Structure formats: structure tokens, C-alpha cells
Amino acid sequence: MIDTLLAATVFACLLSASLGAMIISPKLAAHHKDDETNAVIRLVANIFVVMTSLVFGLMINSSKNTFETVNANSHSYATNLILLDHSLRSYGIGGRDARSALSAYIEMAIAHPARAVDSVKGAPDPAGTALDRLSDTLMTIQPVEPYHADLASDIRRQFQRLVEQRWTIIEQSEGVIPMPLVGIVVAWLVLIFGSFGYRAPKNSVVVISFVIAAALFAAAFYLVVDMDIPFQGFIQVSDEPLKRALAEVRS
């Protein structure tokens, strides 16, 4: 939701700045449009073009790193779920209930992915509840011989690692790009587009160019913010690793 709202705001601001400056410019006094004034405006605009390019490049890199990190952690999490299932299989009959609880948890994790914002709002967490049931089931395992005792201890360590990984992924799902920084970059672009409109002739080609440029910048902001929040929006971390883990547990 926030990425769509941001994209619409960026488009409206940039288009208003460029077309507004183009409409107002002919109405200004002659000394506001002389060569010296144009040179200063061009110089100021060039400064912000450079700054915007650098900061926006850092934003793209940051959102890309966030997405890739969460994606890698999701694959690692799915792998550890499979390893826990293999350990429960090795345990034998005593691990059947735990395997059923593990399968139920993975189903719930696919259907109801947890997010940091949901935790803050106190929203229901069906996957977390299913994970608690798996924990309770693992606690009921009572080994009677050294082999199974060692295996049960290893299973509990694997489960603890899963819990840590899950909360790491949840905390990484809220994004790292601060909105004040996004606002500053948008303000710089508004100034740049305004300076372009100030010097632009009034014709349809120029207007179409401004519309296309504003739309492309809005799309770029949408993608950057969308990638920074990996479990929401158009670009999301795939749940295929969890689906493969579920298929392996059920096999």
C-alpha cells in the first residue's frame, strides 16, 4: 500500500512541478528570465541532479540487498525445516506426532506469513501458534536410551535454531530505507523538474516528455520501496522453498 501511495505522490509532485513552472514562466517579468537567471537555475539543478543520482543509487542498492538477504534466509530456513524432519524420521515412532505438527506448521507458514508490522499491531499469528504446538510436541518426546537421548537433544537444538531464523526473517521484513530520505529525494526531483519546466517551451512534445519522465520516476520509487519490503507488494520473496519443504515432509 505504501509503495503505491508513494508512486502516485511522486508522479503528481513531479508533473505538477514541471507543468506548473512551464505555465508560470511566461508570466514572469523579463529580468526573471534573462541569461544570468537561467544560468544560475541550471547550475542549481545540476547540483541536485548529481546528489539525486547518488542517493537514489544507494537506495536501489539497499533495497536489493534487503531482498536478497531475506530471500537467502528463506531458503536456509526451508532447508533447516527439512533437516529437522529428517532427524524426526531417524528418531522413529516417537517422532511421528512431531512430524505431523511440523507439517501443519509449514502449511500455516505458507498460508499466513508473519510480518514485523503484524507483531507490533498484535495481529493474530496462526503460523506462530502452530510453531508453539510443534514446540509442545517436541517437549513430550521422552527418550529411554542414550541414542535417542542424543537425537532428541539434537532435535531441540535444531528447533531452537529454526525459531531464531524465523524471527530474524520477520524482523527483516519491515524494510530499511527511511521515509524521510525518500522525501528528501522527492523534494530534490521536484526542484529539478521545476527547473526543467521553467526553461521549457509550451508544446505537446514537452508535456508528453514530462508525463513519461514523471511516470518512470514514480515506477522506480515503487520498485525500490516494494523490494525493501520483501513480503508485501508486487515483488515478494517466493514461498516455493517452503512448499518444497512441505512436499519433502509429507513424502
C-alpha atoms as a PDB file:
ATOM      1  CA  MET A   1       0.000   0.000   0.000  1.00  0.00           C
ATOM      2  CA  ILE A   2       2.725   2.466   0.949  1.00  0.00           C
ATOM      3  CA  ASP A   3       4.625   1.808  -2.295  1.00  0.00           C
ATOM      4  CA  THR A   4       1.552   2.556  -4.441  1.00  0.00           C
ATOM      5  CA  LEU A   5       0.763   5.715  -2.475  1.00  0.00           C
ATOM      6  CA  LEU A   6       4.375   6.858  -2.770  1.00  0.00           C
ATOM      7  CA  ALA A   7       4.444   6.254  -6.530  1.00  0.00           C
ATOM      8  CA  ALA A   8       1.228   8.240  -7.014  1.00  0.00           C
ATOM      9  CA  THR A   9       2.598  11.089  -4.872  1.00  0.00           C
ATOM     10  CA  VAL A  10       5.884  11.195  -6.780  1.00  0.00           C
ATOM     11  CA  PHE A  11       4.074  11.259 -10.127  1.00  0.00           C
ATOM     12  CA  ALA A  12       1.741  14.067  -9.019  1.00  0.00           C
ATOM     13  CA  CYS A  13       4.547  16.160  -7.489  1.00  0.00           C
ATOM     14  CA  LEU A  14       6.931  15.888 -10.443  1.00  0.00           C
ATOM     15  CA  LEU A  15       4.249  16.545 -13.038  1.00  0.00           C
ATOM     16  CA  SER A  16       2.859  19.489 -11.076  1.00  0.00           C
ATOM     17  CA  ALA A  17       6.332  20.993 -10.644  1.00  0.00           C
ATOM     18  CA  SER A  18       7.273  20.733 -14.311  1.00  0.00           C
ATOM     19  CA  LEU A  19       3.939  21.821 -15.823  1.00  0.00           C
ATOM     20  CA  GLY A  20       3.403  24.466 -13.164  1.00  0.00           C
ATOM     21  CA  ALA A  21       6.790  26.019 -13.847  1.00  0.00           C
ATOM     22  CA  MET A  22       6.133  25.900 -17.591  1.00  0.00           C
ATOM     23  CA  ILE A  23       2.807  27.729 -17.144  1.00  0.00           C
ATOM     24  CA  ILE A  24       4.133  30.339 -14.717  1.00  0.00           C
ATOM     25  CA  SER A  25       7.377  31.087 -16.571  1.00  0.00           C
ATOM     26  CA  PRO A  26       5.878  33.218 -19.413  1.00  0.00           C
ATOM     27  CA  LYS A  27       4.055  35.361 -16.849  1.00  0.00           C
ATOM     28  CA  LEU A  28       7.226  36.368 -15.006  1.00  0.00           C
ATOM     29  CA  ALA A  29       8.966  39.692 -15.518  1.00  0.00           C
ATOM     30  CA  ALA A  30      11.761  39.834 -18.108  1.00  0.00           C
ATOM     31  CA  HIS A  31      14.557  40.117 -15.533  1.00  0.00           C
ATOM     32  CA  HIS A  32      13.441  36.744 -14.070  1.00  0.00           C
ATOM     33  CA  LYS A  33      14.106  35.068 -17.422  1.00  0.00           C
ATOM     34  CA  ASP A  34      17.388  36.608 -18.502  1.00  0.00           C
ATOM     35  CA  ASP A  35      20.526  34.598 -19.275  1.00  0.00           C
ATOM     36  CA  GLU A  36      22.095  35.125 -15.844  1.00  0.00           C
ATOM     37  CA  THR A  37      18.999  33.799 -14.072  1.00  0.00           C
ATOM     38  CA  ASN A  38      18.802  30.803 -16.401  1.00  0.00           C
ATOM     39  CA  ALA A  39      22.476  30.035 -15.791  1.00  0.00           C
ATOM     40  CA  VAL A  40      22.033  30.054 -12.008  1.00  0.00           C
ATOM     41  CA  ILE A  41      18.916  27.882 -12.185  1.00  0.00           C
ATOM     42  CA  ARG A  42      20.725  25.446 -14.482  1.00  0.00           C
ATOM     43  CA  LEU A  43      23.688  25.292 -12.072  1.00  0.00           C
ATOM     44  CA  VAL A  44      21.497  24.642  -9.035  1.00  0.00           C
ATOM     45  CA  ALA A  45      19.554  21.972 -10.926  1.00  0.00           C
ATOM     46  CA  ASN A  46      22.778  20.232 -11.982  1.00  0.00           C
ATOM     47  CA  ILE A  47      23.938  20.086  -8.353  1.00  0.00           C
ATOM     48  CA  PHE A  48      20.745  18.328  -7.299  1.00  0.00           C
ATOM     49  CA  VAL A  49      20.851  16.027 -10.317  1.00  0.00           C
ATOM     50  CA  VAL A  50      24.195  14.686  -9.107  1.00  0.00           C
ATOM     51  CA  MET A  51      23.032  14.378  -5.483  1.00  0.00           C
ATOM     52  CA  THR A  52      19.793  12.662  -6.509  1.00  0.00           C
ATOM     53  CA  SER A  53      21.664  10.176  -8.699  1.00  0.00           C
ATOM     54  CA  LEU A  54      23.997   9.213  -5.857  1.00  0.00           C
ATOM     55  CA  VAL A  55      21.335   8.895  -3.156  1.00  0.00           C
ATOM     56  CA  PHE A  56      18.856   7.090  -5.386  1.00  0.00           C
ATOM     57  CA  GLY A  57      21.585   4.644  -6.400  1.00  0.00           C
ATOM     58  CA  LEU A  58      22.236   3.937  -2.705  1.00  0.00           C
ATOM     59  CA  MET A  59      18.505   3.381  -2.153  1.00  0.00           C
ATOM     60  CA  ILE A  60      18.367   0.872  -5.009  1.00  0.00           C
ATOM     61  CA  ASN A  61      21.392  -0.980  -3.642  1.00  0.00           C
ATOM     62  CA  SER A  62      19.941  -1.022  -0.120  1.00  0.00           C
ATOM     63  CA  SER A  63      16.561  -2.423  -1.209  1.00  0.00           C
ATOM     64  CA  LYS A  64      18.301  -5.007  -3.416  1.00  0.00           C
ATOM     65  CA  ASN A  65      20.479  -6.161  -0.503  1.00  0.00           C
ATOM     66  CA  THR A  66      17.450  -6.414   1.793  1.00  0.00           C
ATOM     67  CA  PHE A  67      15.538  -8.510  -0.726  1.00  0.00           C
ATOM     68  CA  GLU A  68      18.482 -10.805  -1.418  1.00  0.00           C
ATOM     69  CA  THR A  69      19.218 -11.288   2.302  1.00  0.00           C
ATOM     70  CA  VAL A  70      15.641 -12.213   3.153  1.00  0.00           C
ATOM     71  CA  ASN A  71      15.459 -14.499   0.119  1.00  0.00           C
ATOM     72  CA  ALA A  72      18.654 -16.300   1.142  1.00  0.00           C
ATOM     73  CA  ASN A  73      17.427 -16.646   4.738  1.00  0.00           C
ATOM     74  CA  SER A  74      14.122 -18.072   3.491  1.00  0.00           C
ATOM     75  CA  HIS A  75      15.942 -20.778   1.522  1.00  0.00           C
ATOM     76  CA  SER A  76      18.125 -21.560   4.545  1.00  0.00           C
ATOM     77  CA  TYR A  77      15.034 -21.729   6.765  1.00  0.00           C
ATOM     78  CA  ALA A  78      13.334 -24.194   4.409  1.00  0.00           C
ATOM     79  CA  THR A  79      16.482 -26.326   4.360  1.00  0.00           C
ATOM     80  CA  ASN A  80      16.593 -26.462   8.167  1.00  0.00           C
ATOM     81  CA  LEU A  81      12.920 -27.486   8.249  1.00  0.00           C
ATOM     82  CA  ILE A  82      13.791 -30.444   6.017  1.00  0.00           C
ATOM     83  CA  LEU A  83      16.761 -31.330   8.229  1.00  0.00           C
ATOM     84  CA  LEU A  84      14.538 -31.257  11.314  1.00  0.00           C
ATOM     85  CA  ASP A  85      12.096 -33.593   9.586  1.00  0.00           C
ATOM     86  CA  HIS A  86      14.927 -35.991   8.722  1.00  0.00           C
ATOM     87  CA  SER A  87      16.008 -36.019  12.367  1.00  0.00           C
ATOM     88  CA  LEU A  88      12.445 -36.787  13.457  1.00  0.00           C
ATOM     89  CA  ARG A  89      12.298 -39.623  10.923  1.00  0.00           C
ATOM     90  CA  SER A  90      15.518 -41.038  12.338  1.00  0.00           C
ATOM     91  CA  TYR A  91      14.003 -40.902  15.824  1.00  0.00           C
ATOM     92  CA  GLY A  92      11.342 -43.360  14.760  1.00  0.00           C
ATOM     93  CA  ILE A  93       7.808 -43.852  16.041  1.00  0.00           C
ATOM     94  CA  GLY A  94       8.290 -41.352  18.854  1.00  0.00           C
ATOM     95  CA  GLY A  95       8.726 -38.566  16.318  1.00  0.00           C
ATOM     96  CA  ARG A  96       5.513 -39.160  14.365  1.00  0.00           C
ATOM     97  CA  ASP A  97       3.423 -36.615  16.253  1.00  0.00           C
ATOM     98  CA  ALA A  98       6.188 -34.037  15.932  1.00  0.00           C
ATOM     99  CA  ARG A  99       6.383 -34.650  12.170  1.00  0.00           C
ATOM    100  CA  SER A 100       2.636 -34.094  11.879  1.00  0.00           C
ATOM    101  CA  ALA A 101       2.953 -30.871  13.874  1.00  0.00           C
ATOM    102  CA  LEU A 102       5.866 -29.798  11.667  1.00  0.00           C
ATOM    103  CA  SER A 103       3.807 -30.397   8.526  1.00  0.00           C
ATOM    104  CA  ALA A 104       0.912 -28.396   9.989  1.00  0.00           C
ATOM    105  CA  TYR A 105       3.265 -25.540  10.840  1.00  0.00           C
ATOM    106  CA  ILE A 106       4.720 -25.360   7.329  1.00  0.00           C
ATOM    107  CA  GLU A 107       1.201 -25.285   5.862  1.00  0.00           C
ATOM    108  CA  MET A 108       0.315 -22.424   8.194  1.00  0.00           C
ATOM    109  CA  ALA A 109       3.575 -20.568   7.420  1.00  0.00           C
ATOM    110  CA  ILE A 110       2.766 -20.686   3.699  1.00  0.00           C
ATOM    111  CA  ALA A 111      -0.849 -19.579   4.175  1.00  0.00           C
ATOM    112  CA  HIS A 112      -0.158 -16.922   6.845  1.00  0.00           C
ATOM    113  CA  PRO A 113       3.363 -15.446   6.550  1.00  0.00           C
ATOM    114  CA  ALA A 114       4.305 -13.440   9.637  1.00  0.00           C
ATOM    115  CA  ARG A 115       5.411  -9.807   9.333  1.00  0.00           C
ATOM    116  CA  ALA A 116       7.016  -7.419  11.791  1.00  0.00           C
ATOM    117  CA  VAL A 117       4.186  -4.897  11.433  1.00  0.00           C
ATOM    118  CA  ASP A 118       1.638  -7.591  12.364  1.00  0.00           C
ATOM    119  CA  SER A 119       3.561  -8.344  15.554  1.00  0.00           C
ATOM    120  CA  VAL A 120       3.558  -4.662  16.538  1.00  0.00           C
ATOM    121  CA  LYS A 121      -0.194  -4.363  15.928  1.00  0.00           C
ATOM    122  CA  GLY A 122      -0.899  -7.512  17.927  1.00  0.00           C
ATOM    123  CA  ALA A 123      -2.497  -9.219  14.928  1.00  0.00           C
ATOM    124  CA  PRO A 124      -3.165 -12.980  15.125  1.00  0.00           C
ATOM    125  CA  ASP A 125      -0.213 -15.169  14.167  1.00  0.00           C
ATOM    126  CA  PRO A 126      -1.548 -18.596  13.100  1.00  0.00           C
ATOM    127  CA  ALA A 127       1.919 -19.721  11.994  1.00  0.00           C
ATOM    128  CA  GLY A 128       3.412 -18.744  15.351  1.00  0.00           C
ATOM    129  CA  THR A 129       0.655 -20.665  17.137  1.00  0.00           C
ATOM    130  CA  ALA A 130       1.373 -23.729  15.001  1.00  0.00           C
ATOM    131  CA  LEU A 131       5.075 -23.397  15.837  1.00  0.00           C
ATOM    132  CA  ASP A 132       4.226 -23.313  19.554  1.00  0.00           C
ATOM    133  CA  ARG A 133       2.257 -26.533  19.130  1.00  0.00           C
ATOM    134  CA  LEU A 134       5.300 -28.090  17.462  1.00  0.00           C
ATOM    135  CA  SER A 135       7.418 -26.961  20.423  1.00  0.00           C
ATOM    136  CA  ASP A 136       4.980 -28.543  22.884  1.00  0.00           C
ATOM    137  CA  THR A 137       5.026 -31.778  20.890  1.00  0.00           C
ATOM    138  CA  LEU A 138       8.816 -31.891  20.891  1.00  0.00           C
ATOM    139  CA  MET A 139       8.842 -31.406  24.670  1.00  0.00           C
ATOM    140  CA  THR A 140       6.749 -34.567  25.076  1.00  0.00           C
ATOM    141  CA  ILE A 141       9.459 -36.722  23.500  1.00  0.00           C
ATOM    142  CA  GLN A 142      10.962 -38.775  26.327  1.00  0.00           C
ATOM    143  CA  PRO A 143      13.944 -40.877  25.155  1.00  0.00           C
ATOM    144  CA  VAL A 144      14.706 -44.042  27.107  1.00  0.00           C
ATOM    145  CA  GLU A 145      18.128 -44.894  25.727  1.00  0.00           C
ATOM    146  CA  PRO A 146      21.345 -42.937  25.021  1.00  0.00           C
ATOM    147  CA  TYR A 147      20.957 -42.990  21.219  1.00  0.00           C
ATOM    148  CA  HIS A 148      17.505 -41.468  21.293  1.00  0.00           C
ATOM    149  CA  ALA A 149      18.530 -39.088  24.083  1.00  0.00           C
ATOM    150  CA  ASP A 150      21.320 -37.647  21.911  1.00  0.00           C
ATOM    151  CA  LEU A 151      18.981 -37.471  18.936  1.00  0.00           C
ATOM    152  CA  ALA A 152      16.276 -35.715  20.975  1.00  0.00           C
ATOM    153  CA  SER A 153      18.816 -33.172  22.210  1.00  0.00           C
ATOM    154  CA  ASP A 154      19.919 -32.506  18.627  1.00  0.00           C
ATOM    155  CA  ILE A 155      16.279 -32.118  17.530  1.00  0.00           C
ATOM    156  CA  ARG A 156      15.658 -29.497  20.208  1.00  0.00           C
ATOM    157  CA  ARG A 157      18.764 -27.586  19.134  1.00  0.00           C
ATOM    158  CA  GLN A 158      17.564 -27.671  15.527  1.00  0.00           C
ATOM    159  CA  PHE A 159      14.176 -26.368  16.615  1.00  0.00           C
ATOM    160  CA  GLN A 160      15.740 -23.530  18.592  1.00  0.00           C
ATOM    161  CA  ARG A 161      17.758 -22.540  15.513  1.00  0.00           C
ATOM    162  CA  LEU A 162      14.533 -22.513  13.478  1.00  0.00           C
ATOM    163  CA  VAL A 163      12.849 -20.183  15.957  1.00  0.00           C
ATOM    164  CA  GLU A 164      15.816 -17.806  15.797  1.00  0.00           C
ATOM    165  CA  GLN A 165      15.812 -17.873  11.992  1.00  0.00           C
ATOM    166  CA  ARG A 166      12.076 -17.262  11.827  1.00  0.00           C
ATOM    167  CA  TRP A 167      12.258 -14.124  13.948  1.00  0.00           C
ATOM    168  CA  THR A 168      15.281 -12.909  12.028  1.00  0.00           C
ATOM    169  CA  ILE A 169      13.288 -13.135   8.791  1.00  0.00           C
ATOM    170  CA  ILE A 170      10.284 -11.430  10.412  1.00  0.00           C
ATOM    171  CA  GLU A 171      12.406  -8.523  11.646  1.00  0.00           C
ATOM    172  CA  GLN A 172      13.994  -8.119   8.217  1.00  0.00           C
ATOM    173  CA  SER A 173      10.581  -7.899   6.528  1.00  0.00           C
ATOM    174  CA  GLU A 174       9.860  -4.275   7.509  1.00  0.00           C
ATOM    175  CA  GLY A 175      12.496  -2.645   5.250  1.00  0.00           C
ATOM    176  CA  VAL A 176      15.461  -0.407   5.962  1.00  0.00           C
ATOM    177  CA  ILE A 177      15.006   2.667   3.754  1.00  0.00           C
ATOM    178  CA  PRO A 178      13.863   5.596   5.934  1.00  0.00           C
ATOM    179  CA  MET A 179      10.899   7.548   4.587  1.00  0.00           C
ATOM    180  CA  PRO A 180      12.484  10.962   5.422  1.00  0.00           C
ATOM    181  CA  LEU A 181      15.296  10.100   2.995  1.00  0.00           C
ATOM    182  CA  VAL A 182      12.738   9.213   0.327  1.00  0.00           C
ATOM    183  CA  GLY A 183      11.009  12.538   0.976  1.00  0.00           C
ATOM    184  CA  ILE A 184      14.257  14.463   0.533  1.00  0.00           C
ATOM    185  CA  VAL A 185      14.993  12.753  -2.789  1.00  0.00           C
ATOM    186  CA  VAL A 186      11.461  13.510  -3.995  1.00  0.00           C
ATOM    187  CA  ALA A 187      11.916  17.165  -2.996  1.00  0.00           C
ATOM    188  CA  TRP A 188      15.166  17.334  -4.991  1.00  0.00           C
ATOM    189  CA  LEU A 189      13.405  15.848  -8.016  1.00  0.00           C
ATOM    190  CA  VAL A 190      10.604  18.375  -7.684  1.00  0.00           C
ATOM    191  CA  LEU A 191      13.186  21.160  -7.819  1.00  0.00           C
ATOM    192  CA  ILE A 192      14.858  19.565 -10.848  1.00  0.00           C
ATOM    193  CA  PHE A 193      11.607  19.092 -12.742  1.00  0.00           C
ATOM    194  CA  GLY A 194      10.577  22.633 -11.855  1.00  0.00           C
ATOM    195  CA  SER A 195      13.812  23.988 -13.319  1.00  0.00           C
ATOM    196  CA  PHE A 196      13.225  21.993 -16.494  1.00  0.00           C
ATOM    197  CA  GLY A 197       9.699  23.320 -16.817  1.00  0.00           C
ATOM    198  CA  TYR A 198      10.923  26.873 -16.193  1.00  0.00           C
ATOM    199  CA  ARG A 199      13.042  26.780 -19.345  1.00  0.00           C
ATOM    200  CA  ALA A 200      10.804  24.525 -21.461  1.00  0.00           C
ATOM    201  CA  PRO A 201       8.708  25.730 -24.420  1.00  0.00           C
ATOM    202  CA  LYS A 202       4.960  25.172 -24.238  1.00  0.00           C
ATOM    203  CA  ASN A 203       4.145  22.381 -26.707  1.00  0.00           C
ATOM    204  CA  SER A 204       2.674  18.894 -26.629  1.00  0.00           C
ATOM    205  CA  VAL A 205       6.010  17.109 -27.099  1.00  0.00           C
ATOM    206  CA  VAL A 206       7.421  18.725 -23.965  1.00  0.00           C
ATOM    207  CA  VAL A 207       4.280  17.949 -21.958  1.00  0.00           C
ATOM    208  CA  ILE A 208       4.324  14.285 -23.035  1.00  0.00           C
ATOM    209  CA  SER A 209       8.018  14.079 -22.157  1.00  0.00           C
ATOM    210  CA  PHE A 210       7.314  15.402 -18.656  1.00  0.00           C
ATOM    211  CA  VAL A 211       4.429  12.953 -18.191  1.00  0.00           C
ATOM    212  CA  ILE A 212       6.556   9.975 -19.266  1.00  0.00           C
ATOM    213  CA  ALA A 213       9.518  11.064 -17.140  1.00  0.00           C
ATOM    214  CA  ALA A 214       7.331  11.564 -14.062  1.00  0.00           C
ATOM    215  CA  ALA A 215       5.697   8.152 -14.608  1.00  0.00           C
ATOM    216  CA  LEU A 216       9.060   6.413 -14.942  1.00  0.00           C
ATOM    217  CA  PHE A 217      10.411   8.033 -11.781  1.00  0.00           C
ATOM    218  CA  ALA A 218       7.224   7.057  -9.934  1.00  0.00           C
ATOM    219  CA  ALA A 219       7.659   3.460 -11.145  1.00  0.00           C
ATOM    220  CA  ALA A 220      11.286   3.468  -9.992  1.00  0.00           C
ATOM    221  CA  PHE A 221      10.298   4.631  -6.497  1.00  0.00           C
ATOM    222  CA  TYR A 222       7.569   1.990  -6.419  1.00  0.00           C
ATOM    223  CA  LEU A 223      10.034  -0.802  -7.229  1.00  0.00           C
ATOM    224  CA  VAL A 224      12.646   0.410  -4.742  1.00  0.00           C
ATOM    225  CA  VAL A 225      10.198   0.606  -1.826  1.00  0.00           C
ATOM    226  CA  ASP A 226       8.469  -2.617  -2.897  1.00  0.00           C
ATOM    227  CA  MET A 227      11.751  -4.571  -2.902  1.00  0.00           C
ATOM    228  CA  ASP A 228      12.611  -3.098   0.506  1.00  0.00           C
ATOM    229  CA  ILE A 229       9.507  -4.791   1.986  1.00  0.00           C
ATOM    230  CA  PRO A 230      10.028  -8.371   0.755  1.00  0.00           C
ATOM    231  CA  PHE A 231       6.703  -9.900   1.878  1.00  0.00           C
ATOM    232  CA  GLN A 232       4.327  -7.256   0.512  1.00  0.00           C
ATOM    233  CA  GLY A 233       3.524  -5.722  -2.853  1.00  0.00           C
ATOM    234  CA  PHE A 234       4.287  -6.817  -6.390  1.00  0.00           C
ATOM    235  CA  ILE A 235       7.835  -8.104  -5.790  1.00  0.00           C
ATOM    236  CA  GLN A 236       7.844 -10.657  -2.968  1.00  0.00           C
ATOM    237  CA  VAL A 237      10.158 -13.348  -1.707  1.00  0.00           C
ATOM    238  CA  SER A 238       8.902 -16.637  -3.131  1.00  0.00           C
ATOM    239  CA  ASP A 239       7.300 -19.232  -0.859  1.00  0.00           C
ATOM    240  CA  GLU A 240       8.482 -22.041  -3.157  1.00  0.00           C
ATOM    241  CA  PRO A 241      11.228 -23.141  -0.699  1.00  0.00           C
ATOM    242  CA  LEU A 242       8.567 -23.706   1.975  1.00  0.00           C
ATOM    243  CA  LYS A 243       6.366 -25.572  -0.492  1.00  0.00           C
ATOM    244  CA  ARG A 244       9.286 -27.842  -1.382  1.00  0.00           C
ATOM    245  CA  ALA A 245       9.966 -28.374   2.324  1.00  0.00           C
ATOM    246  CA  LEU A 246       6.299 -29.291   2.870  1.00  0.00           C
ATOM    247  CA  ALA A 247       6.414 -31.766  -0.004  1.00  0.00           C
ATOM    248  CA  GLU A 248       9.545 -33.342   1.490  1.00  0.00           C
ATOM    249  CA  VAL A 249       7.988 -33.617   4.945  1.00  0.00           C
ATOM    250  CA  ARG A 250       4.854 -35.261   3.510  1.00  0.00           C
ATOM    251  CA  SER A 251       6.812 -37.712   1.351  1.00  0.00           C
END
